Amino acid sequence: MLTTDGLVTLNFNQLNRPKLTRLPKIDMYFRGTNTSMSDSVGNLLFYSNGSKIFGFDHNLMPNGDTLSPNYKRLGENSTQGIVALPFPGQKGKYVFLNKEVKDYPAFVASARMFSGIIDMQLNNGKGRVLKKREVLMEDTLEYGRITACRHANGRDWWIIQPEFDSNRFYRFYLGVLGFVLKGNQTVGAVVEHGAGQMAFSPDGAKFIWAKGT
């Protein structure tokens, strides 16, 4: 949670009385884009605003700045502009996807999608960004809307990314060898750009895209 004086953490280990702790002011702001990762028992590992990555100690992770060439100190302003996932079969490693935001004459969209890798076993267990800004694809993509769904095998992941002002969706598969583009699918009506969010149902059987005005 962000306040004008810094971050506030909420601990839900006591469900009937969550513990609120105010942290000192840090150089991390959230404008819309956010992601975070915890371990299997709920301990915070890292979090991001789409521009940089902080560790659980609320300090900038080594090599965790300038995730996009168009760096924004206050963070990206798109919903679902970054997503982080466990790297299948790679102990202690996590991958993340984020995008470059480009201002066109009449609209704002994404021109490139990037991937990166975090190794939480480095830096005395505080983590280090091993790779960032690895170009995964180039196209005129929807602003934000990076959405992931667990693969039926229970280990790997599917990632869906819509094309801008289109009904075409790119499909990425994340397995032990990394990302593979599995083509695209055109389905449903064209959804014009605007505020909104995409999500899968918990069992992965249904997909929804809610768009604001």
N, C-alpha and C. Protein backbone atom coordinates (compact mmCIF):
# COMPACT_ATOMS: atom_id res chain seq x y z
N MET A 1 0.86 -1.18 0.00
CA MET A 1 0.00 0.00 0.00
C MET A 1 0.89 1.23 0.00
N LEU A 2 0.57 2.24 -0.80
CA LEU A 2 1.37 3.45 -0.91
C LEU A 2 0.67 4.62 -0.25
N THR A 3 1.43 5.37 0.54
CA THR A 3 0.94 6.62 1.09
C THR A 3 1.89 7.73 0.66
N THR A 4 1.56 8.97 0.97
CA THR A 4 2.45 10.07 0.61
C THR A 4 3.72 10.06 1.45
N ASP A 5 3.73 9.31 2.53
CA ASP A 5 4.90 9.25 3.41
C ASP A 5 5.71 7.98 3.24
N GLY A 6 5.32 7.11 2.35
CA GLY A 6 6.05 5.87 2.17
C GLY A 6 5.12 4.70 1.97
N LEU A 7 5.61 3.51 2.26
CA LEU A 7 4.83 2.30 2.10
C LEU A 7 4.23 1.84 3.42
N VAL A 8 3.10 1.18 3.30
CA VAL A 8 2.46 0.56 4.45
C VAL A 8 2.29 -0.91 4.15
N THR A 9 2.71 -1.79 5.04
CA THR A 9 2.52 -3.22 4.86
C THR A 9 1.37 -3.71 5.73
N LEU A 10 0.66 -4.70 5.21
CA LEU A 10 -0.43 -5.34 5.95
C LEU A 10 -0.09 -6.82 6.11
N ASN A 11 -0.05 -7.29 7.34
CA ASN A 11 0.24 -8.69 7.64
C ASN A 11 -1.07 -9.38 8.03
N PHE A 12 -1.48 -10.39 7.21
CA PHE A 12 -2.76 -11.05 7.43
C PHE A 12 -2.62 -12.39 8.15
N ASN A 13 -1.50 -12.62 8.83
CA ASN A 13 -1.34 -13.88 9.57
C ASN A 13 -2.40 -14.01 10.66
N GLN A 14 -2.82 -12.88 11.22
CA GLN A 14 -3.96 -12.88 12.14
C GLN A 14 -5.15 -12.32 11.37
N LEU A 15 -5.96 -13.21 10.83
CA LEU A 15 -7.02 -12.79 9.91
C LEU A 15 -8.02 -11.85 10.55
N ASN A 16 -8.27 -12.01 11.84
CA ASN A 16 -9.27 -11.16 12.48
C ASN A 16 -8.71 -9.79 12.87
N ARG A 17 -7.36 -9.64 12.76
CA ARG A 17 -6.76 -8.36 13.11
C ARG A 17 -5.45 -8.16 12.35
N PRO A 18 -5.53 -7.80 11.06
CA PRO A 18 -4.32 -7.58 10.27
C PRO A 18 -3.42 -6.51 10.90
N LYS A 19 -2.13 -6.76 10.83
CA LYS A 19 -1.16 -5.83 11.41
C LYS A 19 -0.67 -4.85 10.36
N LEU A 20 -0.80 -3.56 10.64
CA LEU A 20 -0.37 -2.52 9.72
C LEU A 20 0.94 -1.91 10.21
N THR A 21 1.93 -1.85 9.31
CA THR A 21 3.23 -1.29 9.66
C THR A 21 3.62 -0.24 8.63
N ARG A 22 3.94 0.95 9.09
CA ARG A 22 4.38 2.01 8.19
C ARG A 22 5.90 1.94 8.03
N LEU A 23 6.36 1.94 6.77
CA LEU A 23 7.78 1.90 6.47
C LEU A 23 8.30 3.29 6.15
N PRO A 24 9.61 3.49 6.30
CA PRO A 24 10.18 4.79 5.92
C PRO A 24 9.93 5.06 4.44
N LYS A 25 9.90 6.33 4.06
CA LYS A 25 9.66 6.69 2.68
C LYS A 25 10.78 6.14 1.80
N ILE A 26 10.41 5.50 0.69
CA ILE A 26 11.39 4.94 -0.23
C ILE A 26 11.07 5.43 -1.64
N ASP A 27 12.01 5.26 -2.55
CA ASP A 27 11.86 5.75 -3.91
C ASP A 27 11.14 4.71 -4.78
N MET A 28 9.91 4.40 -4.40
CA MET A 28 9.07 3.47 -5.15
C MET A 28 7.65 4.00 -5.13
N TYR A 29 7.09 4.23 -6.31
CA TYR A 29 5.75 4.75 -6.43
C TYR A 29 4.95 3.85 -7.38
N PHE A 30 3.64 3.83 -7.20
CA PHE A 30 2.77 3.02 -8.03
C PHE A 30 1.70 3.90 -8.67
N ARG A 31 1.62 3.85 -10.01
CA ARG A 31 0.63 4.64 -10.74
C ARG A 31 -0.43 3.76 -11.41
N GLY A 32 -0.26 2.48 -11.41
CA GLY A 32 -1.20 1.57 -12.07
C GLY A 32 -0.60 0.19 -12.25
N THR A 33 0.65 0.15 -12.70
CA THR A 33 1.33 -1.13 -12.91
C THR A 33 1.94 -1.63 -11.61
N ASN A 34 1.73 -2.90 -11.32
CA ASN A 34 2.37 -3.49 -10.14
C ASN A 34 2.37 -5.00 -10.23
N THR A 35 3.36 -5.61 -9.62
CA THR A 35 3.41 -7.05 -9.45
C THR A 35 4.23 -7.34 -8.21
N SER A 36 4.01 -8.49 -7.61
CA SER A 36 4.79 -8.88 -6.44
C SER A 36 4.89 -10.40 -6.41
N MET A 37 5.87 -10.89 -5.66
CA MET A 37 6.07 -12.33 -5.56
C MET A 37 6.38 -12.69 -4.10
N SER A 38 5.75 -13.76 -3.63
CA SER A 38 6.00 -14.28 -2.29
C SER A 38 6.42 -15.73 -2.38
N ASP A 39 7.02 -16.25 -1.31
CA ASP A 39 7.39 -17.66 -1.30
C ASP A 39 6.16 -18.50 -0.93
N SER A 40 6.37 -19.80 -0.74
CA SER A 40 5.25 -20.73 -0.53
C SER A 40 4.49 -20.50 0.77
N VAL A 41 5.10 -19.78 1.71
CA VAL A 41 4.43 -19.52 2.99
C VAL A 41 4.03 -18.06 3.13
N GLY A 42 4.15 -17.31 2.03
CA GLY A 42 3.65 -15.94 2.03
C GLY A 42 4.64 -14.85 2.34
N ASN A 43 5.92 -15.19 2.49
CA ASN A 43 6.92 -14.16 2.75
C ASN A 43 7.23 -13.39 1.46
N LEU A 44 7.22 -12.08 1.54
CA LEU A 44 7.49 -11.23 0.37
C LEU A 44 8.91 -11.46 -0.14
N LEU A 45 9.04 -11.59 -1.48
CA LEU A 45 10.35 -11.74 -2.10
C LEU A 45 10.76 -10.46 -2.84
N PHE A 46 9.88 -9.95 -3.70
CA PHE A 46 10.17 -8.74 -4.45
C PHE A 46 8.88 -8.14 -4.98
N TYR A 47 8.96 -6.90 -5.45
CA TYR A 47 7.81 -6.24 -6.04
C TYR A 47 8.30 -5.21 -7.05
N SER A 48 7.39 -4.77 -7.95
CA SER A 48 7.78 -3.87 -9.02
C SER A 48 6.63 -2.97 -9.43
N ASN A 49 6.98 -1.79 -9.93
CA ASN A 49 6.00 -0.86 -10.50
C ASN A 49 6.12 -0.79 -12.02
N GLY A 50 6.85 -1.74 -12.61
CA GLY A 50 7.03 -1.77 -14.05
C GLY A 50 8.25 -1.02 -14.53
N SER A 51 8.83 -0.17 -13.65
CA SER A 51 10.02 0.59 -14.01
C SER A 51 11.27 0.05 -13.31
N LYS A 52 11.08 -0.47 -12.09
CA LYS A 52 12.19 -1.02 -11.32
C LYS A 52 11.68 -2.08 -10.37
N ILE A 53 12.61 -2.85 -9.80
CA ILE A 53 12.27 -3.97 -8.91
C ILE A 53 12.94 -3.75 -7.56
N PHE A 54 12.15 -3.83 -6.50
CA PHE A 54 12.66 -3.75 -5.14
C PHE A 54 12.57 -5.14 -4.49
N GLY A 55 13.54 -5.44 -3.61
CA GLY A 55 13.52 -6.70 -2.88
C GLY A 55 12.68 -6.60 -1.62
N PHE A 56 12.63 -7.70 -0.87
CA PHE A 56 11.81 -7.72 0.34
C PHE A 56 12.32 -6.77 1.41
N ASP A 57 13.58 -6.32 1.27
CA ASP A 57 14.13 -5.36 2.22
C ASP A 57 13.81 -3.92 1.82
N HIS A 58 12.99 -3.77 0.75
CA HIS A 58 12.53 -2.46 0.27
C HIS A 58 13.67 -1.60 -0.27
N ASN A 59 14.68 -2.25 -0.80
CA ASN A 59 15.77 -1.59 -1.50
C ASN A 59 15.79 -2.04 -2.95
N LEU A 60 16.34 -1.19 -3.82
CA LEU A 60 16.45 -1.54 -5.23
C LEU A 60 17.29 -2.80 -5.39
N MET A 61 16.74 -3.79 -6.09
CA MET A 61 17.47 -5.02 -6.35
C MET A 61 18.61 -4.73 -7.33
N PRO A 62 19.79 -5.31 -7.14
CA PRO A 62 20.88 -5.10 -8.10
C PRO A 62 20.44 -5.36 -9.54
N ASN A 63 20.72 -4.41 -10.42
CA ASN A 63 20.34 -4.45 -11.83
C ASN A 63 18.82 -4.36 -12.01
N GLY A 64 18.11 -3.90 -11.00
CA GLY A 64 16.65 -3.87 -11.05
C GLY A 64 16.05 -2.56 -11.50
N ASP A 65 16.89 -1.65 -12.06
CA ASP A 65 16.35 -0.38 -12.53
C ASP A 65 16.15 -0.41 -14.05
N THR A 66 15.56 0.64 -14.58
CA THR A 66 15.34 0.82 -16.02
C THR A 66 14.89 -0.47 -16.72
N LEU A 67 13.75 -1.00 -16.28
CA LEU A 67 13.21 -2.22 -16.91
C LEU A 67 12.76 -1.95 -18.33
N SER A 68 12.46 -0.69 -18.63
CA SER A 68 12.06 -0.30 -19.98
C SER A 68 12.93 0.86 -20.43
N PRO A 69 13.21 0.95 -21.74
CA PRO A 69 14.00 2.09 -22.23
C PRO A 69 13.36 3.44 -21.89
N ASN A 70 12.03 3.48 -21.84
CA ASN A 70 11.32 4.71 -21.48
C ASN A 70 11.06 4.72 -19.98
N TYR A 71 12.15 4.84 -19.22
CA TYR A 71 12.07 4.73 -17.76
C TYR A 71 11.21 5.83 -17.16
N LYS A 72 10.32 5.44 -16.24
CA LYS A 72 9.46 6.39 -15.54
C LYS A 72 9.70 6.23 -14.04
N ARG A 73 10.18 7.26 -13.40
CA ARG A 73 10.50 7.18 -11.98
C ARG A 73 9.27 6.83 -11.14
N LEU A 74 8.10 7.33 -11.54
CA LEU A 74 6.88 7.07 -10.78
C LEU A 74 6.19 5.77 -11.17
N GLY A 75 6.80 5.00 -12.07
CA GLY A 75 6.22 3.73 -12.47
C GLY A 75 5.34 3.84 -13.70
N GLU A 76 5.06 2.71 -14.30
CA GLU A 76 4.19 2.68 -15.48
C GLU A 76 2.74 2.91 -15.06
N ASN A 77 1.97 3.44 -15.99
CA ASN A 77 0.60 3.84 -15.66
C ASN A 77 -0.43 2.95 -16.35
N SER A 78 -0.09 1.71 -16.64
CA SER A 78 -1.03 0.79 -17.28
C SER A 78 -1.39 -0.34 -16.34
N THR A 79 -2.60 -0.85 -16.49
CA THR A 79 -2.99 -2.02 -15.72
C THR A 79 -2.35 -3.26 -16.33
N GLN A 80 -1.82 -4.12 -15.49
CA GLN A 80 -1.19 -5.37 -15.94
C GLN A 80 -0.02 -5.09 -16.89
N GLY A 81 0.78 -4.08 -16.55
CA GLY A 81 1.92 -3.73 -17.37
C GLY A 81 3.16 -4.56 -17.10
N ILE A 82 3.14 -5.36 -16.05
CA ILE A 82 4.22 -6.28 -15.74
C ILE A 82 3.64 -7.48 -15.01
N VAL A 83 4.21 -8.65 -15.25
CA VAL A 83 3.80 -9.85 -14.53
C VAL A 83 5.04 -10.66 -14.20
N ALA A 84 5.08 -11.24 -13.01
CA ALA A 84 6.19 -12.08 -12.58
C ALA A 84 5.68 -13.48 -12.29
N LEU A 85 6.48 -14.49 -12.67
CA LEU A 85 6.08 -15.89 -12.52
C LEU A 85 7.26 -16.73 -12.07
N PRO A 86 7.02 -17.82 -11.33
CA PRO A 86 8.11 -18.75 -11.03
C PRO A 86 8.63 -19.37 -12.33
N PHE A 87 9.94 -19.48 -12.45
CA PHE A 87 10.56 -20.09 -13.63
C PHE A 87 10.45 -21.61 -13.48
N PRO A 88 9.65 -22.28 -14.32
CA PRO A 88 9.45 -23.72 -14.17
C PRO A 88 10.77 -24.50 -14.17
N GLY A 89 10.95 -25.34 -13.16
CA GLY A 89 12.12 -26.21 -13.10
C GLY A 89 13.40 -25.51 -12.71
N GLN A 90 13.35 -24.21 -12.40
CA GLN A 90 14.55 -23.45 -12.05
C GLN A 90 14.42 -22.96 -10.61
N LYS A 91 15.01 -23.67 -9.68
CA LYS A 91 14.86 -23.36 -8.26
C LYS A 91 15.37 -21.95 -7.95
N GLY A 92 14.53 -21.19 -7.27
CA GLY A 92 14.91 -19.86 -6.83
C GLY A 92 14.88 -18.80 -7.91
N LYS A 93 14.48 -19.16 -9.13
CA LYS A 93 14.47 -18.19 -10.22
C LYS A 93 13.04 -17.84 -10.61
N TYR A 94 12.89 -16.59 -11.03
CA TYR A 94 11.60 -16.07 -11.45
C TYR A 94 11.78 -15.29 -12.75
N VAL A 95 10.75 -15.28 -13.56
CA VAL A 95 10.79 -14.50 -14.80
C VAL A 95 9.76 -13.39 -14.70
N PHE A 96 9.98 -12.34 -15.47
CA PHE A 96 8.99 -11.28 -15.54
C PHE A 96 8.86 -10.79 -16.98
N LEU A 97 7.68 -10.29 -17.30
CA LEU A 97 7.36 -9.72 -18.61
C LEU A 97 6.91 -8.28 -18.41
N ASN A 98 7.44 -7.40 -19.20
CA ASN A 98 6.99 -6.02 -19.18
C ASN A 98 7.08 -5.45 -20.58
N LYS A 99 6.58 -4.23 -20.77
CA LYS A 99 6.50 -3.69 -22.12
C LYS A 99 7.00 -2.25 -22.19
N GLU A 100 7.44 -1.90 -23.37
CA GLU A 100 7.81 -0.52 -23.67
C GLU A 100 6.56 0.23 -24.11
N VAL A 101 6.29 1.34 -23.47
CA VAL A 101 5.13 2.15 -23.81
C VAL A 101 5.57 3.25 -24.78
N LYS A 102 4.80 3.41 -25.86
CA LYS A 102 5.16 4.38 -26.89
C LYS A 102 3.98 5.31 -27.15
N ASP A 103 4.29 6.60 -27.19
CA ASP A 103 3.26 7.60 -27.50
C ASP A 103 3.20 7.83 -29.00
N TYR A 104 2.13 7.34 -29.62
CA TYR A 104 1.89 7.59 -31.04
C TYR A 104 1.11 8.90 -31.18
N PRO A 105 0.99 9.46 -32.39
CA PRO A 105 0.30 10.75 -32.55
C PRO A 105 -1.12 10.78 -31.99
N ALA A 106 -1.85 9.67 -32.12
CA ALA A 106 -3.26 9.70 -31.72
C ALA A 106 -3.59 8.73 -30.58
N PHE A 107 -2.63 7.97 -30.11
CA PHE A 107 -2.93 6.99 -29.06
C PHE A 107 -1.63 6.55 -28.38
N VAL A 108 -1.80 5.81 -27.29
CA VAL A 108 -0.67 5.24 -26.55
C VAL A 108 -0.77 3.73 -26.64
N ALA A 109 0.30 3.07 -27.00
CA ALA A 109 0.32 1.61 -27.11
C ALA A 109 1.70 1.11 -26.73
N SER A 110 1.90 -0.19 -26.85
CA SER A 110 3.19 -0.79 -26.56
C SER A 110 3.82 -1.26 -27.87
N ALA A 111 5.11 -1.02 -28.01
CA ALA A 111 5.80 -1.39 -29.24
C ALA A 111 6.58 -2.69 -29.10
N ARG A 112 7.07 -2.95 -27.87
CA ARG A 112 7.87 -4.15 -27.66
C ARG A 112 7.53 -4.79 -26.30
N MET A 113 7.60 -6.11 -26.26
CA MET A 113 7.45 -6.84 -25.01
C MET A 113 8.81 -7.41 -24.62
N PHE A 114 9.17 -7.23 -23.35
CA PHE A 114 10.46 -7.69 -22.84
C PHE A 114 10.28 -8.82 -21.83
N SER A 115 11.34 -9.60 -21.66
CA SER A 115 11.38 -10.61 -20.60
C SER A 115 12.63 -10.40 -19.77
N GLY A 116 12.61 -10.91 -18.55
CA GLY A 116 13.75 -10.81 -17.66
C GLY A 116 13.76 -11.97 -16.68
N ILE A 117 14.86 -12.12 -15.96
CA ILE A 117 15.03 -13.22 -15.00
C ILE A 117 15.57 -12.67 -13.69
N ILE A 118 15.01 -13.13 -12.57
CA ILE A 118 15.48 -12.81 -11.23
C ILE A 118 15.95 -14.09 -10.56
N ASP A 119 17.10 -14.04 -9.91
CA ASP A 119 17.61 -15.18 -9.14
C ASP A 119 17.65 -14.78 -7.67
N MET A 120 16.74 -15.34 -6.88
CA MET A 120 16.65 -15.00 -5.47
C MET A 120 17.71 -15.70 -4.63
N GLN A 121 18.52 -16.54 -5.22
CA GLN A 121 19.59 -17.21 -4.48
C GLN A 121 20.86 -16.34 -4.41
N LEU A 122 20.89 -15.27 -5.20
CA LEU A 122 22.05 -14.38 -5.23
C LEU A 122 21.89 -13.23 -4.25
N ASN A 123 22.99 -12.47 -4.06
CA ASN A 123 22.97 -11.29 -3.20
C ASN A 123 22.53 -11.64 -1.78
N ASN A 124 23.12 -12.74 -1.26
CA ASN A 124 22.81 -13.19 0.11
C ASN A 124 21.32 -13.44 0.33
N GLY A 125 20.67 -13.98 -0.70
CA GLY A 125 19.26 -14.31 -0.60
C GLY A 125 18.32 -13.15 -0.83
N LYS A 126 18.87 -11.98 -1.19
CA LYS A 126 18.02 -10.81 -1.45
C LYS A 126 17.68 -10.66 -2.93
N GLY A 127 18.32 -11.48 -3.78
CA GLY A 127 17.97 -11.51 -5.19
C GLY A 127 18.76 -10.54 -6.05
N ARG A 128 18.85 -10.88 -7.32
CA ARG A 128 19.50 -10.05 -8.31
C ARG A 128 18.80 -10.26 -9.65
N VAL A 129 18.64 -9.17 -10.41
CA VAL A 129 18.08 -9.27 -11.76
C VAL A 129 19.20 -9.71 -12.69
N LEU A 130 19.06 -10.94 -13.25
CA LEU A 130 20.08 -11.48 -14.14
C LEU A 130 19.95 -10.92 -15.55
N LYS A 131 18.71 -10.81 -16.02
CA LYS A 131 18.45 -10.33 -17.37
C LYS A 131 17.25 -9.39 -17.33
N LYS A 132 17.25 -8.43 -18.25
CA LYS A 132 16.12 -7.52 -18.41
C LYS A 132 16.14 -6.96 -19.83
N ARG A 133 15.03 -6.46 -20.26
CA ARG A 133 14.88 -5.88 -21.60
C ARG A 133 15.29 -6.84 -22.71
N GLU A 134 15.06 -8.14 -22.49
CA GLU A 134 15.24 -9.12 -23.55
C GLU A 134 14.00 -9.07 -24.44
N VAL A 135 14.15 -8.67 -25.70
CA VAL A 135 12.99 -8.47 -26.57
C VAL A 135 12.33 -9.82 -26.88
N LEU A 136 11.08 -9.94 -26.49
CA LEU A 136 10.33 -11.16 -26.73
C LEU A 136 9.53 -11.05 -28.03
N MET A 137 9.00 -9.86 -28.31
CA MET A 137 8.31 -9.65 -29.57
C MET A 137 8.16 -8.15 -29.82
N GLU A 138 7.95 -7.79 -31.10
CA GLU A 138 7.71 -6.41 -31.49
C GLU A 138 6.43 -6.35 -32.32
N ASP A 139 5.53 -5.47 -31.93
CA ASP A 139 4.27 -5.26 -32.62
C ASP A 139 3.58 -4.08 -31.95
N THR A 140 2.47 -3.66 -32.50
CA THR A 140 1.66 -2.64 -31.83
C THR A 140 0.71 -3.38 -30.89
N LEU A 141 1.06 -3.38 -29.61
CA LEU A 141 0.37 -4.19 -28.62
C LEU A 141 -0.50 -3.33 -27.72
N GLU A 142 -1.48 -3.97 -27.12
CA GLU A 142 -2.34 -3.28 -26.17
C GLU A 142 -1.49 -2.76 -25.01
N TYR A 143 -1.87 -1.62 -24.50
CA TYR A 143 -1.19 -0.95 -23.40
C TYR A 143 -1.48 -1.72 -22.11
N GLY A 144 -0.48 -2.50 -21.59
CA GLY A 144 -0.72 -3.35 -20.44
C GLY A 144 -1.34 -4.68 -20.87
N ARG A 145 -2.19 -5.23 -20.00
CA ARG A 145 -2.98 -6.44 -20.28
C ARG A 145 -2.12 -7.71 -20.45
N ILE A 146 -0.99 -7.81 -19.76
CA ILE A 146 -0.24 -9.06 -19.78
C ILE A 146 -0.90 -10.00 -18.77
N THR A 147 -1.38 -11.15 -19.23
CA THR A 147 -2.18 -12.04 -18.38
C THR A 147 -1.66 -13.46 -18.46
N ALA A 148 -1.52 -14.10 -17.30
CA ALA A 148 -0.95 -15.45 -17.23
C ALA A 148 -1.97 -16.44 -16.66
N CYS A 149 -1.81 -17.70 -17.07
CA CYS A 149 -2.66 -18.80 -16.60
C CYS A 149 -1.80 -20.04 -16.43
N ARG A 150 -1.98 -20.75 -15.33
CA ARG A 150 -1.20 -21.97 -15.10
C ARG A 150 -1.52 -23.03 -16.15
N HIS A 151 -0.49 -23.67 -16.66
CA HIS A 151 -0.65 -24.76 -17.62
C HIS A 151 -1.32 -25.96 -16.94
N ALA A 152 -1.98 -26.79 -17.72
CA ALA A 152 -2.68 -27.96 -17.17
C ALA A 152 -1.73 -28.94 -16.50
N ASN A 153 -0.43 -28.87 -16.83
CA ASN A 153 0.52 -29.80 -16.19
C ASN A 153 0.89 -29.36 -14.78
N GLY A 154 0.38 -28.20 -14.34
CA GLY A 154 0.60 -27.73 -12.98
C GLY A 154 1.96 -27.11 -12.74
N ARG A 155 2.80 -27.03 -13.76
CA ARG A 155 4.15 -26.49 -13.58
C ARG A 155 4.40 -25.28 -14.49
N ASP A 156 4.03 -25.39 -15.75
CA ASP A 156 4.34 -24.36 -16.74
C ASP A 156 3.22 -23.30 -16.78
N TRP A 157 3.39 -22.33 -17.69
CA TRP A 157 2.45 -21.21 -17.75
C TRP A 157 2.10 -20.85 -19.20
N TRP A 158 0.90 -20.32 -19.37
CA TRP A 158 0.49 -19.67 -20.61
C TRP A 158 0.39 -18.18 -20.34
N ILE A 159 0.85 -17.36 -21.28
CA ILE A 159 0.73 -15.92 -21.18
C ILE A 159 0.02 -15.40 -22.42
N ILE A 160 -0.98 -14.56 -22.21
CA ILE A 160 -1.78 -14.00 -23.30
C ILE A 160 -1.52 -12.50 -23.40
N GLN A 161 -1.31 -12.03 -24.61
CA GLN A 161 -1.10 -10.60 -24.85
C GLN A 161 -1.91 -10.17 -26.08
N PRO A 162 -2.85 -9.22 -25.92
CA PRO A 162 -3.66 -8.78 -27.06
C PRO A 162 -2.94 -7.76 -27.93
N GLU A 163 -3.25 -7.80 -29.20
CA GLU A 163 -2.80 -6.79 -30.13
C GLU A 163 -3.64 -5.52 -29.94
N PHE A 164 -3.10 -4.38 -30.31
CA PHE A 164 -3.77 -3.10 -30.11
C PHE A 164 -5.00 -2.98 -31.01
N ASP A 165 -6.14 -2.55 -30.42
CA ASP A 165 -7.39 -2.34 -31.15
C ASP A 165 -7.71 -3.51 -32.08
N SER A 166 -7.69 -4.71 -31.51
CA SER A 166 -7.83 -5.92 -32.32
C SER A 166 -8.52 -7.00 -31.51
N ASN A 167 -8.85 -8.09 -32.19
CA ASN A 167 -9.34 -9.29 -31.50
C ASN A 167 -8.34 -10.45 -31.70
N ARG A 168 -7.08 -10.07 -31.92
CA ARG A 168 -6.01 -11.06 -32.06
C ARG A 168 -5.20 -11.12 -30.77
N PHE A 169 -4.97 -12.35 -30.30
CA PHE A 169 -4.25 -12.57 -29.05
C PHE A 169 -3.01 -13.43 -29.31
N TYR A 170 -1.86 -12.95 -28.84
CA TYR A 170 -0.64 -13.74 -28.93
C TYR A 170 -0.55 -14.68 -27.73
N ARG A 171 -0.05 -15.89 -28.00
CA ARG A 171 0.05 -16.92 -26.96
C ARG A 171 1.52 -17.29 -26.74
N PHE A 172 1.96 -17.16 -25.52
CA PHE A 172 3.32 -17.54 -25.14
C PHE A 172 3.27 -18.71 -24.16
N TYR A 173 4.18 -19.64 -24.35
CA TYR A 173 4.31 -20.78 -23.45
C TYR A 173 5.60 -20.62 -22.65
N LEU A 174 5.51 -20.73 -21.33
CA LEU A 174 6.69 -20.67 -20.47
C LEU A 174 6.94 -22.03 -19.85
N GLY A 175 8.07 -22.64 -20.22
CA GLY A 175 8.46 -23.94 -19.68
C GLY A 175 9.88 -23.87 -19.14
N VAL A 176 10.49 -25.02 -18.95
CA VAL A 176 11.83 -25.08 -18.35
C VAL A 176 12.89 -24.43 -19.23
N LEU A 177 12.63 -24.31 -20.53
CA LEU A 177 13.60 -23.71 -21.45
C LEU A 177 13.31 -22.23 -21.70
N GLY A 178 12.28 -21.68 -21.06
CA GLY A 178 11.97 -20.28 -21.24
C GLY A 178 10.72 -20.07 -22.07
N PHE A 179 10.61 -18.91 -22.70
CA PHE A 179 9.42 -18.52 -23.44
C PHE A 179 9.46 -19.01 -24.89
N VAL A 180 8.30 -19.45 -25.37
CA VAL A 180 8.13 -19.83 -26.76
C VAL A 180 6.82 -19.22 -27.25
N LEU A 181 6.87 -18.49 -28.37
CA LEU A 181 5.65 -17.96 -28.96
C LEU A 181 4.91 -19.08 -29.67
N LYS A 182 3.67 -19.31 -29.27
CA LYS A 182 2.85 -20.38 -29.83
C LYS A 182 1.78 -19.83 -30.78
N GLY A 183 2.16 -18.81 -31.54
CA GLY A 183 1.25 -18.27 -32.53
C GLY A 183 0.25 -17.31 -31.93
N ASN A 184 -0.83 -17.06 -32.66
CA ASN A 184 -1.86 -16.15 -32.20
C ASN A 184 -3.23 -16.70 -32.57
N GLN A 185 -4.23 -16.14 -31.95
CA GLN A 185 -5.60 -16.58 -32.18
C GLN A 185 -6.50 -15.36 -32.29
N THR A 186 -7.35 -15.35 -33.32
CA THR A 186 -8.34 -14.29 -33.49
C THR A 186 -9.69 -14.81 -33.04
N VAL A 187 -10.27 -14.13 -32.05
CA VAL A 187 -11.51 -14.63 -31.47
C VAL A 187 -12.34 -13.47 -30.93
N GLY A 188 -13.66 -13.57 -31.05
CA GLY A 188 -14.55 -12.58 -30.49
C GLY A 188 -14.54 -11.27 -31.25
N ALA A 189 -15.17 -10.26 -30.65
CA ALA A 189 -15.27 -8.94 -31.26
C ALA A 189 -14.01 -8.14 -31.01
N VAL A 190 -13.77 -7.14 -31.84
CA VAL A 190 -12.64 -6.24 -31.65
C VAL A 190 -12.87 -5.40 -30.39
N VAL A 191 -11.87 -5.34 -29.54
CA VAL A 191 -11.95 -4.53 -28.32
C VAL A 191 -11.04 -3.31 -28.51
N GLU A 192 -11.64 -2.14 -28.50
CA GLU A 192 -10.85 -0.93 -28.67
C GLU A 192 -10.07 -0.61 -27.40
N HIS A 193 -9.00 0.15 -27.56
CA HIS A 193 -8.13 0.45 -26.43
C HIS A 193 -8.87 1.30 -25.39
N GLY A 194 -8.37 1.26 -24.18
CA GLY A 194 -8.97 2.00 -23.07
C GLY A 194 -8.66 1.31 -21.76
N ALA A 195 -9.09 1.90 -20.67
CA ALA A 195 -8.85 1.31 -19.36
C ALA A 195 -9.55 -0.04 -19.25
N GLY A 196 -8.98 -0.94 -18.48
CA GLY A 196 -9.60 -2.25 -18.31
C GLY A 196 -8.62 -3.28 -17.81
N GLN A 197 -9.06 -4.51 -17.77
CA GLN A 197 -8.26 -5.60 -17.22
C GLN A 197 -8.69 -6.92 -17.80
N MET A 198 -7.75 -7.87 -17.88
CA MET A 198 -8.06 -9.22 -18.35
C MET A 198 -7.80 -10.21 -17.21
N ALA A 199 -8.51 -11.34 -17.25
CA ALA A 199 -8.32 -12.36 -16.21
C ALA A 199 -8.82 -13.71 -16.69
N PHE A 200 -8.20 -14.77 -16.15
CA PHE A 200 -8.67 -16.13 -16.32
C PHE A 200 -9.41 -16.57 -15.06
N SER A 201 -10.33 -17.49 -15.23
CA SER A 201 -10.96 -18.11 -14.07
C SER A 201 -9.93 -18.98 -13.37
N PRO A 202 -10.12 -19.29 -12.07
CA PRO A 202 -9.12 -20.08 -11.34
C PRO A 202 -8.76 -21.41 -11.99
N ASP A 203 -9.72 -22.05 -12.69
CA ASP A 203 -9.43 -23.33 -13.34
C ASP A 203 -8.92 -23.16 -14.77
N GLY A 204 -8.79 -21.91 -15.23
CA GLY A 204 -8.27 -21.65 -16.57
C GLY A 204 -9.25 -21.91 -17.70
N ALA A 205 -10.50 -22.23 -17.36
CA ALA A 205 -11.48 -22.59 -18.40
C ALA A 205 -12.10 -21.38 -19.08
N LYS A 206 -12.10 -20.23 -18.40
CA LYS A 206 -12.76 -19.05 -18.94
C LYS A 206 -11.80 -17.86 -18.91
N PHE A 207 -12.03 -16.94 -19.85
CA PHE A 207 -11.20 -15.76 -20.00
C PHE A 207 -12.11 -14.56 -20.19
N ILE A 208 -11.80 -13.47 -19.52
CA ILE A 208 -12.64 -12.27 -19.63
C ILE A 208 -11.77 -11.03 -19.79
N TRP A 209 -12.25 -10.08 -20.58
CA TRP A 209 -11.59 -8.80 -20.77
C TRP A 209 -12.62 -7.72 -20.46
N ALA A 210 -12.42 -7.01 -19.36
CA ALA A 210 -13.31 -5.93 -18.97
C ALA A 210 -12.69 -4.62 -19.39
N LYS A 211 -13.44 -3.79 -20.10
CA LYS A 211 -12.93 -2.53 -20.62
C LYS A 211 -13.74 -1.37 -20.07
N GLY A 212 -13.02 -0.34 -19.58
CA GLY A 212 -13.68 0.87 -19.13
C GLY A 212 -13.90 1.82 -20.28
N THR A 213 -14.35 3.01 -19.99
CA THR A 213 -14.60 4.00 -21.02
C THR A 213 -13.50 5.05 -21.03
